[in-house]
Amino acid sequence: MSQEHDQIGQFNESKCKIHTSEDIKAFCKNDLCSICFKCLLGEHRNHDVVMLEELCVDDLKDNVSKF
């Protein structure tokens, strides 16, 4: 699997762990995970989701205590 450097300075896998042929396109703030469009339309349908190109540190700062 390839890796790419994202906007907040971390390395993330570019393929979905569940739908291995799908590219990661978004981040689920409820489950704190990267997701593809299939995940977005399925399990994460009613979750608070941010598209990767719009994701910034402020989206994650309230969840730091969960790590």
N, C-alpha and C. Protein backbone atom coordinates (compact mmCIF):
# COMPACT_ATOMS: atom_id res chain seq x y z
N MET A 1 0.83 -1.19 0.00
CA MET A 1 0.00 0.00 0.00
C MET A 1 0.88 1.25 0.00
N SER A 2 0.45 2.23 -0.73
CA SER A 2 1.23 3.47 -0.78
C SER A 2 0.84 4.39 0.38
N GLN A 3 1.73 5.32 0.67
CA GLN A 3 1.44 6.30 1.71
C GLN A 3 1.60 7.68 1.14
N GLU A 4 0.87 8.64 1.69
CA GLU A 4 1.00 10.02 1.28
C GLU A 4 1.01 10.91 2.50
N HIS A 5 1.59 12.06 2.37
CA HIS A 5 1.72 13.01 3.47
C HIS A 5 0.49 13.89 3.48
N ASP A 6 -0.24 13.95 4.59
CA ASP A 6 -1.46 14.75 4.63
C ASP A 6 -1.21 16.16 5.15
N GLN A 7 -2.27 16.96 5.23
CA GLN A 7 -2.17 18.37 5.57
C GLN A 7 -1.74 18.64 7.00
N ILE A 8 -1.91 17.71 7.90
CA ILE A 8 -1.55 17.98 9.29
C ILE A 8 -0.25 17.30 9.69
N GLY A 9 0.52 16.89 8.70
CA GLY A 9 1.87 16.41 8.96
C GLY A 9 2.00 14.96 9.37
N GLN A 10 1.01 14.14 9.13
CA GLN A 10 1.06 12.73 9.48
C GLN A 10 1.03 11.90 8.21
N PHE A 11 1.54 10.66 8.29
CA PHE A 11 1.47 9.75 7.15
C PHE A 11 0.25 8.86 7.31
N ASN A 12 -0.52 8.75 6.25
CA ASN A 12 -1.70 7.92 6.27
C ASN A 12 -1.70 7.00 5.05
N GLU A 13 -2.27 5.81 5.20
CA GLU A 13 -2.43 4.92 4.07
C GLU A 13 -3.47 5.54 3.14
N SER A 14 -3.29 5.39 1.86
CA SER A 14 -4.18 6.01 0.90
C SER A 14 -5.34 5.12 0.47
N LYS A 15 -5.36 3.86 0.91
CA LYS A 15 -6.45 2.93 0.58
C LYS A 15 -7.24 2.57 1.83
N CYS A 16 -8.53 2.37 1.65
CA CYS A 16 -9.43 2.01 2.74
C CYS A 16 -9.07 0.61 3.27
N LYS A 17 -9.09 0.45 4.58
CA LYS A 17 -8.78 -0.84 5.18
C LYS A 17 -9.92 -1.85 4.99
N ILE A 18 -11.13 -1.36 4.80
CA ILE A 18 -12.29 -2.24 4.61
C ILE A 18 -12.54 -2.50 3.12
N HIS A 19 -12.56 -1.43 2.34
CA HIS A 19 -12.77 -1.52 0.89
C HIS A 19 -11.40 -1.27 0.23
N THR A 20 -10.60 -2.30 0.14
CA THR A 20 -9.18 -2.16 -0.19
C THR A 20 -8.90 -1.60 -1.59
N SER A 21 -9.89 -1.57 -2.45
CA SER A 21 -9.68 -0.98 -3.78
C SER A 21 -10.06 0.50 -3.81
N GLU A 22 -10.62 1.00 -2.71
CA GLU A 22 -11.10 2.38 -2.66
C GLU A 22 -10.08 3.31 -1.99
N ASP A 23 -9.94 4.52 -2.54
CA ASP A 23 -9.06 5.54 -1.95
C ASP A 23 -9.72 6.20 -0.76
N ILE A 24 -8.91 6.58 0.21
CA ILE A 24 -9.39 7.34 1.37
C ILE A 24 -9.76 8.73 0.90
N LYS A 25 -10.94 9.20 1.26
CA LYS A 25 -11.42 10.51 0.81
C LYS A 25 -11.86 11.40 1.96
N ALA A 26 -12.10 10.83 3.14
CA ALA A 26 -12.67 11.62 4.24
C ALA A 26 -12.18 11.10 5.59
N PHE A 27 -12.50 11.86 6.63
CA PHE A 27 -12.14 11.49 8.00
C PHE A 27 -13.40 11.55 8.85
N CYS A 28 -13.70 10.47 9.56
CA CYS A 28 -14.85 10.42 10.45
C CYS A 28 -14.43 10.92 11.82
N LYS A 29 -15.02 12.04 12.25
CA LYS A 29 -14.68 12.62 13.54
C LYS A 29 -15.31 11.85 14.70
N ASN A 30 -16.37 11.11 14.44
CA ASN A 30 -16.99 10.30 15.49
C ASN A 30 -16.11 9.11 15.86
N ASP A 31 -15.60 8.42 14.84
CA ASP A 31 -14.81 7.21 15.07
C ASP A 31 -13.30 7.44 14.95
N LEU A 32 -12.90 8.68 14.61
CA LEU A 32 -11.49 9.05 14.49
C LEU A 32 -10.75 8.12 13.53
N CYS A 33 -11.30 7.99 12.30
CA CYS A 33 -10.66 7.14 11.31
C CYS A 33 -10.85 7.70 9.91
N SER A 34 -9.94 7.31 9.03
CA SER A 34 -10.03 7.68 7.62
C SER A 34 -10.99 6.73 6.93
N ILE A 35 -11.78 7.27 5.98
CA ILE A 35 -12.79 6.46 5.30
C ILE A 35 -12.85 6.76 3.81
N CYS A 36 -13.40 5.81 3.06
CA CYS A 36 -13.64 5.99 1.63
C CYS A 36 -15.11 6.37 1.43
N PHE A 37 -15.50 6.61 0.17
CA PHE A 37 -16.89 6.97 -0.10
C PHE A 37 -17.87 5.85 0.24
N LYS A 38 -17.45 4.59 0.05
CA LYS A 38 -18.33 3.47 0.41
C LYS A 38 -18.60 3.45 1.91
N CYS A 39 -17.58 3.72 2.71
CA CYS A 39 -17.75 3.79 4.17
C CYS A 39 -18.66 4.96 4.53
N LEU A 40 -18.45 6.08 3.84
CA LEU A 40 -19.24 7.29 4.10
C LEU A 40 -20.73 7.03 3.87
N LEU A 41 -21.05 6.28 2.84
CA LEU A 41 -22.45 5.98 2.53
C LEU A 41 -23.00 4.83 3.36
N GLY A 42 -22.14 4.11 4.03
CA GLY A 42 -22.56 2.95 4.82
C GLY A 42 -22.49 3.22 6.31
N GLU A 43 -21.53 2.61 6.96
CA GLU A 43 -21.39 2.63 8.41
C GLU A 43 -21.28 4.04 9.01
N HIS A 44 -20.71 4.98 8.27
CA HIS A 44 -20.47 6.32 8.79
C HIS A 44 -21.48 7.35 8.27
N ARG A 45 -22.60 6.89 7.76
CA ARG A 45 -23.60 7.73 7.08
C ARG A 45 -24.05 8.93 7.91
N ASN A 46 -24.34 8.75 9.17
CA ASN A 46 -24.86 9.83 10.00
C ASN A 46 -23.81 10.42 10.94
N HIS A 47 -22.54 10.19 10.63
CA HIS A 47 -21.45 10.68 11.46
C HIS A 47 -20.97 12.05 11.00
N ASP A 48 -20.20 12.70 11.85
CA ASP A 48 -19.59 13.99 11.53
C ASP A 48 -18.33 13.70 10.71
N VAL A 49 -18.39 13.99 9.41
CA VAL A 49 -17.31 13.63 8.48
C VAL A 49 -16.76 14.89 7.82
N VAL A 50 -15.43 14.91 7.64
CA VAL A 50 -14.75 16.01 6.97
C VAL A 50 -13.98 15.42 5.79
N MET A 51 -14.09 16.05 4.62
CA MET A 51 -13.31 15.63 3.47
C MET A 51 -11.83 15.90 3.76
N LEU A 52 -10.94 15.02 3.32
CA LEU A 52 -9.52 15.14 3.65
C LEU A 52 -8.93 16.48 3.23
N GLU A 53 -9.33 17.00 2.08
CA GLU A 53 -8.76 18.27 1.63
C GLU A 53 -9.20 19.45 2.50
N GLU A 54 -10.23 19.25 3.33
CA GLU A 54 -10.72 20.29 4.23
C GLU A 54 -10.32 20.05 5.68
N LEU A 55 -9.70 18.90 5.96
CA LEU A 55 -9.32 18.53 7.32
C LEU A 55 -8.18 19.41 7.82
N CYS A 56 -8.32 19.90 9.05
CA CYS A 56 -7.25 20.70 9.65
C CYS A 56 -7.11 20.31 11.13
N VAL A 57 -6.09 20.82 11.77
CA VAL A 57 -5.80 20.48 13.16
C VAL A 57 -6.99 20.81 14.06
N ASP A 58 -7.69 21.91 13.79
CA ASP A 58 -8.84 22.30 14.62
C ASP A 58 -9.92 21.23 14.64
N ASP A 59 -10.04 20.46 13.57
CA ASP A 59 -11.03 19.38 13.53
C ASP A 59 -10.71 18.28 14.53
N LEU A 60 -9.46 18.16 14.91
CA LEU A 60 -9.02 17.06 15.77
C LEU A 60 -8.71 17.47 17.20
N LYS A 61 -8.53 18.76 17.46
CA LYS A 61 -8.04 19.19 18.76
C LYS A 61 -8.97 18.83 19.92
N ASP A 62 -10.27 18.76 19.70
CA ASP A 62 -11.19 18.38 20.77
C ASP A 62 -11.12 16.89 21.11
N ASN A 63 -10.48 16.11 20.25
CA ASN A 63 -10.39 14.67 20.45
C ASN A 63 -9.03 14.22 20.95
N VAL A 64 -8.13 15.13 21.19
CA VAL A 64 -6.77 14.78 21.63
C VAL A 64 -6.79 13.96 22.90
N SER A 65 -7.68 14.26 23.82
CA SER A 65 -7.75 13.53 25.08
C SER A 65 -8.15 12.07 24.89
N LYS A 66 -8.73 11.71 23.75
CA LYS A 66 -9.14 10.33 23.47
C LYS A 66 -7.96 9.46 23.10
N PHE A 67 -6.82 10.05 22.75
CA PHE A 67 -5.65 9.28 22.29
C PHE A 67 -4.81 8.85 23.42
